[in-house]
Amino acid sequence: MAKLVKQSVDKYNEIRPHYSCDMLTLNQMHNQDKVEIKIYKKLDSNRSVGIQ
């Protein structure tokens, strides 16, 4: 089971391109300096989200 999980994580990081990383793999994104790494901020947990 641990081997399967490792293979899945490796595929996710090394093989699968990600749309949010301009179609680079995660490893490619972190090893380059031309495309800015996007940072997603968490919503303030004190804010309520609702329809107004």
N, C-alpha and C. Protein backbone atom coordinates (compact mmCIF):
# COMPACT_ATOMS: atom_id res chain seq x y z
N MET A 1 0.83 -1.20 0.00
CA MET A 1 0.00 0.00 0.00
C MET A 1 0.87 1.26 0.00
N ALA A 2 1.93 1.29 0.80
CA ALA A 2 2.80 2.46 0.86
C ALA A 2 3.46 2.72 -0.48
N LYS A 3 3.79 1.64 -1.20
CA LYS A 3 4.41 1.79 -2.52
C LYS A 3 3.41 2.42 -3.49
N LEU A 4 2.16 2.04 -3.43
CA LEU A 4 1.13 2.60 -4.28
C LEU A 4 0.93 4.09 -4.00
N VAL A 5 0.93 4.46 -2.74
CA VAL A 5 0.79 5.86 -2.37
C VAL A 5 1.97 6.66 -2.89
N LYS A 6 3.19 6.14 -2.72
CA LYS A 6 4.39 6.83 -3.20
C LYS A 6 4.34 7.00 -4.72
N GLN A 7 3.91 5.98 -5.43
CA GLN A 7 3.79 6.08 -6.89
C GLN A 7 2.77 7.14 -7.29
N SER A 8 1.67 7.21 -6.57
CA SER A 8 0.64 8.21 -6.87
C SER A 8 1.15 9.62 -6.62
N VAL A 9 1.85 9.82 -5.51
CA VAL A 9 2.40 11.14 -5.19
C VAL A 9 3.46 11.53 -6.22
N ASP A 10 4.31 10.60 -6.58
CA ASP A 10 5.34 10.87 -7.59
C ASP A 10 4.71 11.26 -8.93
N LYS A 11 3.67 10.55 -9.32
CA LYS A 11 2.99 10.87 -10.58
C LYS A 11 2.37 12.27 -10.50
N TYR A 12 1.76 12.59 -9.37
CA TYR A 12 1.12 13.90 -9.18
C TYR A 12 2.15 15.02 -9.25
N ASN A 13 3.35 14.82 -8.68
CA ASN A 13 4.37 15.85 -8.62
C ASN A 13 5.26 15.90 -9.86
N GLU A 14 5.51 14.77 -10.49
CA GLU A 14 6.53 14.70 -11.54
C GLU A 14 6.00 14.53 -12.95
N ILE A 15 4.81 13.98 -13.10
CA ILE A 15 4.31 13.67 -14.44
C ILE A 15 3.12 14.53 -14.83
N ARG A 16 2.19 14.71 -13.91
CA ARG A 16 0.92 15.39 -14.22
C ARG A 16 1.10 16.91 -14.26
N PRO A 17 0.84 17.54 -15.43
CA PRO A 17 0.88 19.01 -15.47
C PRO A 17 -0.37 19.58 -14.79
N HIS A 18 -0.20 20.74 -14.19
CA HIS A 18 -1.28 21.38 -13.45
C HIS A 18 -1.66 22.69 -14.13
N TYR A 19 -2.94 22.89 -14.33
CA TYR A 19 -3.43 24.09 -14.99
C TYR A 19 -3.03 25.34 -14.21
N SER A 20 -3.09 25.29 -12.90
CA SER A 20 -2.77 26.46 -12.08
C SER A 20 -1.27 26.79 -12.11
N CYS A 21 -0.46 25.87 -12.61
CA CYS A 21 0.99 26.09 -12.73
C CYS A 21 1.39 26.31 -14.19
N ASP A 22 0.49 26.86 -14.99
CA ASP A 22 0.73 27.09 -16.41
C ASP A 22 1.15 25.82 -17.13
N MET A 23 0.50 24.73 -16.79
CA MET A 23 0.70 23.41 -17.39
C MET A 23 2.11 22.85 -17.19
N LEU A 24 2.73 23.22 -16.09
CA LEU A 24 3.98 22.61 -15.67
C LEU A 24 3.67 21.59 -14.58
N THR A 25 4.57 20.63 -14.40
CA THR A 25 4.41 19.75 -13.25
C THR A 25 4.79 20.54 -12.01
N LEU A 26 4.43 20.03 -10.86
CA LEU A 26 4.77 20.74 -9.62
C LEU A 26 6.28 20.85 -9.44
N ASN A 27 7.01 19.79 -9.77
CA ASN A 27 8.47 19.85 -9.66
C ASN A 27 9.05 20.88 -10.62
N GLN A 28 8.55 20.94 -11.86
CA GLN A 28 9.03 21.94 -12.82
C GLN A 28 8.73 23.34 -12.31
N MET A 29 7.57 23.53 -11.75
CA MET A 29 7.17 24.85 -11.28
C MET A 29 8.10 25.33 -10.17
N HIS A 30 8.45 24.45 -9.26
CA HIS A 30 9.29 24.84 -8.12
C HIS A 30 10.77 24.94 -8.48
N ASN A 31 11.15 24.39 -9.63
CA ASN A 31 12.56 24.44 -10.05
C ASN A 31 12.83 25.47 -11.14
N GLN A 32 11.92 26.38 -11.35
CA GLN A 32 12.10 27.41 -12.38
C GLN A 32 11.89 28.78 -11.74
N ASP A 33 12.26 29.83 -12.48
CA ASP A 33 12.11 31.18 -11.94
C ASP A 33 11.46 32.15 -12.91
N LYS A 34 10.85 31.64 -13.98
CA LYS A 34 10.23 32.51 -14.98
C LYS A 34 8.74 32.73 -14.73
N VAL A 35 8.06 31.71 -14.26
CA VAL A 35 6.64 31.81 -13.99
C VAL A 35 6.47 32.01 -12.50
N GLU A 36 5.69 33.03 -12.12
CA GLU A 36 5.48 33.33 -10.71
C GLU A 36 4.62 32.24 -10.06
N ILE A 37 5.04 31.79 -8.90
CA ILE A 37 4.29 30.79 -8.16
C ILE A 37 3.08 31.48 -7.54
N LYS A 38 1.91 30.91 -7.77
CA LYS A 38 0.67 31.49 -7.25
C LYS A 38 0.48 31.07 -5.81
N ILE A 39 0.03 32.00 -5.01
CA ILE A 39 -0.25 31.73 -3.61
C ILE A 39 -1.73 32.02 -3.38
N TYR A 40 -2.43 31.03 -2.87
CA TYR A 40 -3.85 31.19 -2.60
C TYR A 40 -4.04 31.43 -1.12
N LYS A 41 -4.66 32.56 -0.80
CA LYS A 41 -4.88 32.91 0.59
C LYS A 41 -6.14 32.21 1.10
N LYS A 42 -6.09 31.81 2.34
CA LYS A 42 -7.26 31.22 2.98
C LYS A 42 -8.22 32.34 3.35
N LEU A 43 -9.51 32.06 3.26
CA LEU A 43 -10.50 33.02 3.69
C LEU A 43 -10.45 33.15 5.20
N ASP A 44 -10.74 34.33 5.67
CA ASP A 44 -10.80 34.57 7.11
C ASP A 44 -11.90 33.72 7.69
N SER A 45 -11.56 32.90 8.67
CA SER A 45 -12.54 31.98 9.24
C SER A 45 -13.65 32.71 9.99
N ASN A 46 -13.42 33.98 10.32
CA ASN A 46 -14.45 34.75 11.03
C ASN A 46 -15.48 35.35 10.09
N ARG A 47 -15.15 35.38 8.79
CA ARG A 47 -16.10 35.93 7.81
C ARG A 47 -17.14 34.90 7.46
N SER A 48 -18.37 35.32 7.38
CA SER A 48 -19.41 34.40 6.93
C SER A 48 -19.67 34.67 5.46
N VAL A 49 -19.81 33.61 4.71
CA VAL A 49 -20.08 33.72 3.28
C VAL A 49 -21.54 33.39 3.08
N GLY A 50 -22.26 34.29 2.45
CA GLY A 50 -23.67 34.04 2.22
C GLY A 50 -24.17 34.84 1.03
N ILE A 51 -25.36 34.54 0.63
CA ILE A 51 -25.98 35.26 -0.49
C ILE A 51 -26.65 36.50 0.07
N GLN A 52 -26.34 37.62 -0.57
CA GLN A 52 -26.95 38.86 -0.09
C GLN A 52 -27.89 39.42 -1.11
